[in-house]
Amino acid sequence: MKKQLFTTLFFVLFVFTIQCTIAQKQDSTKTKGHKKEQVKTTTKKADSKKIWNKVCPVMGNAVNPNAPTVQYKGKTIGFCCAGCDKTFQKDPDKYMKNLSEDGSKFTGEKEKE
C-alpha cells in the first residue's frame, strides 16, 4: 500500500514538473521577438507629466500615477494598477494597439479581470 502511494505521488510530481517546464518554454517564446531594451519596468512613482498615455493600454481605465510604469520605444507607459505592467510586458505591441495615436483614448478590447 505504501509503495503504491509513493509511486502515485512520484508520478503526480513528475507530471507537474513537465507541465511547468512546458509552460516556461511557451512564455519565453512569446517574448522572443521583443528586444529586452524595448521594455523596461519602473516601480518608482512616476511624474504624471512624463507618462505618455492617459488611459491604461491593458484595461482602458485612467492611468494611476502611483502605479508602475514601463519604458517602451522611448515612451513612459502608465497603467491603472500594479499587474497591468506585467500583462503589458508579455505582448507590448498588442496592448499599444489599444491606444489612440496620442495615448488619450482606449480603442481596443478591455482585458477581463
N, C-alpha and C. Protein backbone atom coordinates (compact mmCIF):
# COMPACT_ATOMS: atom_id res chain seq x y z
N MET A 1 0.82 -1.19 0.00
CA MET A 1 0.00 0.00 0.00
C MET A 1 0.86 1.26 0.00
N LYS A 2 1.88 1.30 0.86
CA LYS A 2 2.75 2.46 0.92
C LYS A 2 3.53 2.62 -0.38
N LYS A 3 3.94 1.51 -0.96
CA LYS A 3 4.69 1.56 -2.21
C LYS A 3 3.82 2.14 -3.33
N GLN A 4 2.56 1.74 -3.38
CA GLN A 4 1.65 2.25 -4.39
C GLN A 4 1.39 3.74 -4.20
N LEU A 5 1.24 4.17 -2.97
CA LEU A 5 1.04 5.59 -2.67
C LEU A 5 2.27 6.40 -3.08
N PHE A 6 3.44 5.90 -2.73
CA PHE A 6 4.69 6.57 -3.10
C PHE A 6 4.82 6.68 -4.62
N THR A 7 4.51 5.62 -5.34
CA THR A 7 4.60 5.61 -6.80
C THR A 7 3.62 6.62 -7.39
N THR A 8 2.41 6.66 -6.87
CA THR A 8 1.42 7.62 -7.37
C THR A 8 1.86 9.05 -7.11
N LEU A 9 2.36 9.32 -5.93
CA LEU A 9 2.84 10.65 -5.59
C LEU A 9 4.00 11.06 -6.49
N PHE A 10 4.92 10.16 -6.70
CA PHE A 10 6.06 10.43 -7.58
C PHE A 10 5.59 10.75 -9.00
N PHE A 11 4.62 9.99 -9.50
CA PHE A 11 4.10 10.21 -10.84
C PHE A 11 3.43 11.59 -10.96
N VAL A 12 2.65 11.97 -9.97
CA VAL A 12 1.98 13.27 -9.98
C VAL A 12 3.01 14.40 -9.98
N LEU A 13 4.04 14.30 -9.16
CA LEU A 13 5.09 15.31 -9.14
C LEU A 13 5.84 15.38 -10.45
N PHE A 14 6.07 14.23 -11.06
CA PHE A 14 6.77 14.17 -12.34
C PHE A 14 5.95 14.89 -13.43
N VAL A 15 4.65 14.60 -13.49
CA VAL A 15 3.78 15.24 -14.48
C VAL A 15 3.72 16.75 -14.24
N PHE A 16 3.61 17.17 -12.99
CA PHE A 16 3.57 18.59 -12.65
C PHE A 16 4.85 19.29 -13.11
N THR A 17 6.00 18.68 -12.90
CA THR A 17 7.28 19.25 -13.30
C THR A 17 7.34 19.42 -14.81
N ILE A 18 6.86 18.45 -15.54
CA ILE A 18 6.86 18.53 -17.00
C ILE A 18 5.96 19.67 -17.47
N GLN A 19 4.79 19.80 -16.87
CA GLN A 19 3.87 20.87 -17.26
C GLN A 19 4.46 22.25 -16.98
N CYS A 20 5.13 22.40 -15.86
CA CYS A 20 5.77 23.68 -15.53
C CYS A 20 6.87 24.01 -16.53
N THR A 21 7.65 23.02 -16.90
CA THR A 21 8.72 23.23 -17.88
C THR A 21 8.16 23.65 -19.22
N ILE A 22 7.10 23.02 -19.66
CA ILE A 22 6.47 23.37 -20.93
C ILE A 22 5.92 24.79 -20.88
N ALA A 23 5.28 25.15 -19.78
CA ALA A 23 4.71 26.50 -19.64
C ALA A 23 5.81 27.56 -19.68
N GLN A 24 6.95 27.29 -19.05
CA GLN A 24 8.06 28.25 -19.08
C GLN A 24 8.59 28.42 -20.49
N LYS A 25 8.70 27.35 -21.23
CA LYS A 25 9.20 27.44 -22.61
C LYS A 25 8.24 28.22 -23.48
N GLN A 26 6.94 28.03 -23.28
CA GLN A 26 5.95 28.77 -24.06
C GLN A 26 6.01 30.25 -23.75
N ASP A 27 6.18 30.62 -22.49
CA ASP A 27 6.29 32.03 -22.11
C ASP A 27 7.53 32.66 -22.72
N SER A 28 8.64 31.94 -22.75
CA SER A 28 9.87 32.51 -23.28
C SER A 28 9.79 32.69 -24.78
N THR A 29 9.03 31.85 -25.49
CA THR A 29 8.92 32.02 -26.94
C THR A 29 8.00 33.17 -27.30
N LYS A 30 7.07 33.54 -26.43
CA LYS A 30 6.19 34.67 -26.70
C LYS A 30 6.96 35.98 -26.74
N THR A 31 7.97 36.13 -25.91
CA THR A 31 8.72 37.38 -25.84
C THR A 31 10.01 37.32 -26.64
N LYS A 32 10.23 36.24 -27.37
CA LYS A 32 11.47 36.07 -28.11
C LYS A 32 11.70 37.19 -29.13
N GLY A 33 10.62 37.65 -29.78
CA GLY A 33 10.76 38.67 -30.80
C GLY A 33 10.99 40.06 -30.26
N HIS A 34 10.81 40.28 -28.97
CA HIS A 34 10.98 41.60 -28.38
C HIS A 34 12.38 41.75 -27.84
N LYS A 35 12.98 42.88 -28.15
CA LYS A 35 14.31 43.15 -27.60
C LYS A 35 14.16 43.55 -26.15
N LYS A 36 15.08 43.09 -25.32
CA LYS A 36 14.99 43.37 -23.90
C LYS A 36 15.04 44.86 -23.60
N GLU A 37 15.77 45.64 -24.39
CA GLU A 37 15.89 47.06 -24.10
C GLU A 37 14.64 47.83 -24.49
N GLN A 38 13.70 47.21 -25.21
CA GLN A 38 12.48 47.89 -25.60
C GLN A 38 11.53 48.06 -24.42
N VAL A 39 11.51 47.11 -23.49
CA VAL A 39 10.56 47.11 -22.39
C VAL A 39 11.33 47.12 -21.08
N LYS A 40 11.10 48.16 -20.30
CA LYS A 40 11.80 48.28 -19.02
C LYS A 40 10.79 48.75 -17.98
N THR A 41 10.66 48.00 -16.89
CA THR A 41 9.71 48.35 -15.84
C THR A 41 10.33 49.33 -14.86
N THR A 42 9.55 50.31 -14.46
CA THR A 42 9.96 51.25 -13.43
C THR A 42 8.95 51.13 -12.30
N THR A 43 9.41 50.84 -11.11
CA THR A 43 8.49 50.69 -10.00
C THR A 43 8.41 51.94 -9.13
N LYS A 44 9.23 52.94 -9.41
CA LYS A 44 9.17 54.19 -8.65
C LYS A 44 7.93 54.97 -9.05
N LYS A 45 7.50 55.86 -8.17
CA LYS A 45 6.39 56.73 -8.52
C LYS A 45 6.83 57.61 -9.67
N ALA A 46 5.99 57.67 -10.69
CA ALA A 46 6.33 58.44 -11.88
C ALA A 46 5.74 59.83 -11.81
N ASP A 47 6.42 60.78 -12.40
CA ASP A 47 5.88 62.13 -12.55
C ASP A 47 4.79 62.04 -13.62
N SER A 48 3.54 62.38 -13.26
CA SER A 48 2.42 62.22 -14.19
C SER A 48 2.61 63.01 -15.48
N LYS A 49 3.44 64.03 -15.47
CA LYS A 49 3.70 64.79 -16.69
C LYS A 49 4.57 64.00 -17.66
N LYS A 50 5.33 63.03 -17.16
CA LYS A 50 6.20 62.24 -18.02
C LYS A 50 5.48 61.04 -18.62
N ILE A 51 4.37 60.63 -18.05
CA ILE A 51 3.64 59.48 -18.58
C ILE A 51 3.00 59.88 -19.90
N TRP A 52 3.25 59.08 -20.93
CA TRP A 52 2.80 59.41 -22.29
C TRP A 52 1.30 59.25 -22.45
N ASN A 53 0.73 58.18 -21.92
CA ASN A 53 -0.69 57.87 -22.15
C ASN A 53 -1.58 58.34 -21.00
N LYS A 54 -2.85 58.53 -21.31
CA LYS A 54 -3.84 58.95 -20.32
C LYS A 54 -4.66 57.76 -19.79
N VAL A 55 -4.75 56.69 -20.59
CA VAL A 55 -5.52 55.51 -20.21
C VAL A 55 -4.62 54.27 -20.26
N CYS A 56 -4.97 53.31 -19.45
CA CYS A 56 -4.21 52.06 -19.36
C CYS A 56 -4.38 51.27 -20.66
N PRO A 57 -3.29 50.83 -21.29
CA PRO A 57 -3.40 50.07 -22.54
C PRO A 57 -3.94 48.65 -22.33
N VAL A 58 -4.01 48.19 -21.09
CA VAL A 58 -4.49 46.83 -20.81
C VAL A 58 -5.97 46.84 -20.46
N MET A 59 -6.36 47.69 -19.51
CA MET A 59 -7.73 47.70 -19.00
C MET A 59 -8.60 48.84 -19.54
N GLY A 60 -7.98 49.92 -20.01
CA GLY A 60 -8.74 51.05 -20.52
C GLY A 60 -9.14 52.07 -19.47
N ASN A 61 -8.74 51.85 -18.23
CA ASN A 61 -9.06 52.78 -17.14
C ASN A 61 -8.07 53.94 -17.15
N ALA A 62 -8.38 54.99 -16.39
CA ALA A 62 -7.46 56.13 -16.27
C ALA A 62 -6.14 55.67 -15.65
N VAL A 63 -5.05 56.28 -16.08
CA VAL A 63 -3.72 55.95 -15.57
C VAL A 63 -3.58 56.43 -14.13
N ASN A 64 -3.03 55.57 -13.29
CA ASN A 64 -2.74 55.91 -11.90
C ASN A 64 -1.26 56.30 -11.82
N PRO A 65 -0.94 57.55 -11.47
CA PRO A 65 0.46 57.97 -11.44
C PRO A 65 1.29 57.22 -10.40
N ASN A 66 0.65 56.53 -9.46
CA ASN A 66 1.38 55.76 -8.46
C ASN A 66 1.61 54.31 -8.86
N ALA A 67 1.02 53.88 -9.96
CA ALA A 67 1.20 52.51 -10.45
C ALA A 67 2.55 52.42 -11.18
N PRO A 68 3.10 51.21 -11.32
CA PRO A 68 4.37 51.06 -12.04
C PRO A 68 4.24 51.54 -13.48
N THR A 69 5.33 51.95 -14.04
CA THR A 69 5.38 52.37 -15.44
C THR A 69 6.38 51.49 -16.19
N VAL A 70 6.29 51.54 -17.51
CA VAL A 70 7.19 50.78 -18.37
C VAL A 70 7.74 51.70 -19.44
N GLN A 71 9.04 51.62 -19.67
CA GLN A 71 9.66 52.34 -20.78
C GLN A 71 9.53 51.48 -22.02
N TYR A 72 8.90 52.01 -23.05
CA TYR A 72 8.71 51.25 -24.29
C TYR A 72 8.90 52.16 -25.48
N LYS A 73 9.89 51.86 -26.29
CA LYS A 73 10.21 52.62 -27.50
C LYS A 73 10.26 54.13 -27.24
N GLY A 74 10.95 54.49 -26.16
CA GLY A 74 11.17 55.89 -25.84
C GLY A 74 10.02 56.59 -25.12
N LYS A 75 8.97 55.86 -24.79
CA LYS A 75 7.81 56.44 -24.12
C LYS A 75 7.65 55.80 -22.75
N THR A 76 7.21 56.60 -21.78
CA THR A 76 6.87 56.08 -20.46
C THR A 76 5.39 55.74 -20.48
N ILE A 77 5.10 54.44 -20.38
CA ILE A 77 3.73 53.97 -20.43
C ILE A 77 3.22 53.78 -19.01
N GLY A 78 2.07 54.39 -18.72
CA GLY A 78 1.46 54.28 -17.41
C GLY A 78 0.32 53.28 -17.42
N PHE A 79 -0.06 52.82 -16.23
CA PHE A 79 -1.11 51.81 -16.10
C PHE A 79 -2.07 52.20 -14.99
N CYS A 80 -3.22 51.55 -14.96
CA CYS A 80 -4.22 51.86 -13.93
C CYS A 80 -3.89 51.21 -12.60
N CYS A 81 -3.13 50.12 -12.62
CA CYS A 81 -2.83 49.40 -11.38
C CYS A 81 -1.60 48.52 -11.56
N ALA A 82 -1.05 48.09 -10.43
CA ALA A 82 0.05 47.13 -10.47
C ALA A 82 -0.50 45.83 -11.04
N GLY A 83 0.23 45.21 -11.89
CA GLY A 83 -0.23 43.98 -12.54
C GLY A 83 -0.43 44.20 -14.02
N CYS A 84 -0.98 45.35 -14.38
CA CYS A 84 -1.15 45.65 -15.80
C CYS A 84 0.21 45.79 -16.49
N ASP A 85 1.21 46.27 -15.75
CA ASP A 85 2.54 46.40 -16.34
C ASP A 85 3.09 45.03 -16.74
N LYS A 86 2.86 44.01 -15.92
CA LYS A 86 3.34 42.67 -16.23
C LYS A 86 2.59 42.08 -17.41
N THR A 87 1.29 42.32 -17.48
CA THR A 87 0.49 41.85 -18.61
C THR A 87 0.98 42.52 -19.88
N PHE A 88 1.22 43.81 -19.82
CA PHE A 88 1.71 44.58 -20.97
C PHE A 88 3.02 44.02 -21.49
N GLN A 89 3.91 43.66 -20.59
CA GLN A 89 5.24 43.19 -20.99
C GLN A 89 5.19 41.87 -21.74
N LYS A 90 4.13 41.09 -21.57
CA LYS A 90 4.02 39.82 -22.28
C LYS A 90 3.84 40.03 -23.78
N ASP A 91 3.17 41.12 -24.18
CA ASP A 91 2.95 41.42 -25.60
C ASP A 91 2.71 42.92 -25.77
N PRO A 92 3.77 43.73 -25.63
CA PRO A 92 3.58 45.19 -25.65
C PRO A 92 2.97 45.73 -26.94
N ASP A 93 3.32 45.17 -28.08
CA ASP A 93 2.76 45.66 -29.34
C ASP A 93 1.24 45.49 -29.38
N LYS A 94 0.76 44.37 -28.87
CA LYS A 94 -0.69 44.10 -28.82
C LYS A 94 -1.39 45.18 -28.00
N TYR A 95 -0.84 45.50 -26.84
CA TYR A 95 -1.50 46.46 -25.96
C TYR A 95 -1.34 47.90 -26.43
N MET A 96 -0.25 48.22 -27.11
CA MET A 96 -0.08 49.57 -27.64
C MET A 96 -1.12 49.85 -28.73
N LYS A 97 -1.57 48.81 -29.42
CA LYS A 97 -2.61 48.98 -30.44
C LYS A 97 -3.95 49.34 -29.82
N ASN A 98 -4.10 49.16 -28.50
CA ASN A 98 -5.33 49.51 -27.81
C ASN A 98 -5.46 51.01 -27.57
N LEU A 99 -4.39 51.75 -27.82
CA LEU A 99 -4.40 53.19 -27.54
C LEU A 99 -4.49 54.00 -28.83
N SER A 100 -5.12 55.17 -28.72
CA SER A 100 -5.14 56.10 -29.85
C SER A 100 -3.71 56.60 -30.10
N GLU A 101 -3.50 57.28 -31.21
CA GLU A 101 -2.14 57.74 -31.57
C GLU A 101 -1.50 58.61 -30.51
N ASP A 102 -2.31 59.39 -29.79
CA ASP A 102 -1.75 60.26 -28.76
C ASP A 102 -1.84 59.65 -27.36
N GLY A 103 -2.40 58.44 -27.25
CA GLY A 103 -2.48 57.76 -25.96
C GLY A 103 -3.58 58.28 -25.05
N SER A 104 -4.48 59.09 -25.59
CA SER A 104 -5.52 59.69 -24.75
C SER A 104 -6.80 58.87 -24.70
N LYS A 105 -6.98 57.93 -25.63
CA LYS A 105 -8.21 57.15 -25.68
C LYS A 105 -7.89 55.67 -25.84
N PHE A 106 -8.75 54.84 -25.24
CA PHE A 106 -8.65 53.39 -25.35
C PHE A 106 -9.48 52.96 -26.55
N THR A 107 -8.87 52.30 -27.50
CA THR A 107 -9.56 51.91 -28.72
C THR A 107 -9.72 50.40 -28.88
N GLY A 108 -9.18 49.63 -27.94
CA GLY A 108 -9.20 48.17 -28.05
C GLY A 108 -10.25 47.53 -27.17
N GLU A 109 -10.07 46.21 -26.99
CA GLU A 109 -10.95 45.44 -26.11
C GLU A 109 -10.34 45.38 -24.73
N LYS A 110 -11.15 45.60 -23.72
CA LYS A 110 -10.65 45.54 -22.34
C LYS A 110 -10.38 44.11 -21.95
N GLU A 111 -9.29 43.90 -21.19
CA GLU A 111 -8.96 42.58 -20.65
C GLU A 111 -9.94 42.26 -19.54
N LYS A 112 -10.25 40.99 -19.39
CA LYS A 112 -11.12 40.55 -18.29
C LYS A 112 -10.31 40.43 -17.04
N GLU A 113 -10.86 40.91 -15.94
CA GLU A 113 -10.17 40.87 -14.65
C GLU A 113 -10.20 39.50 -14.06
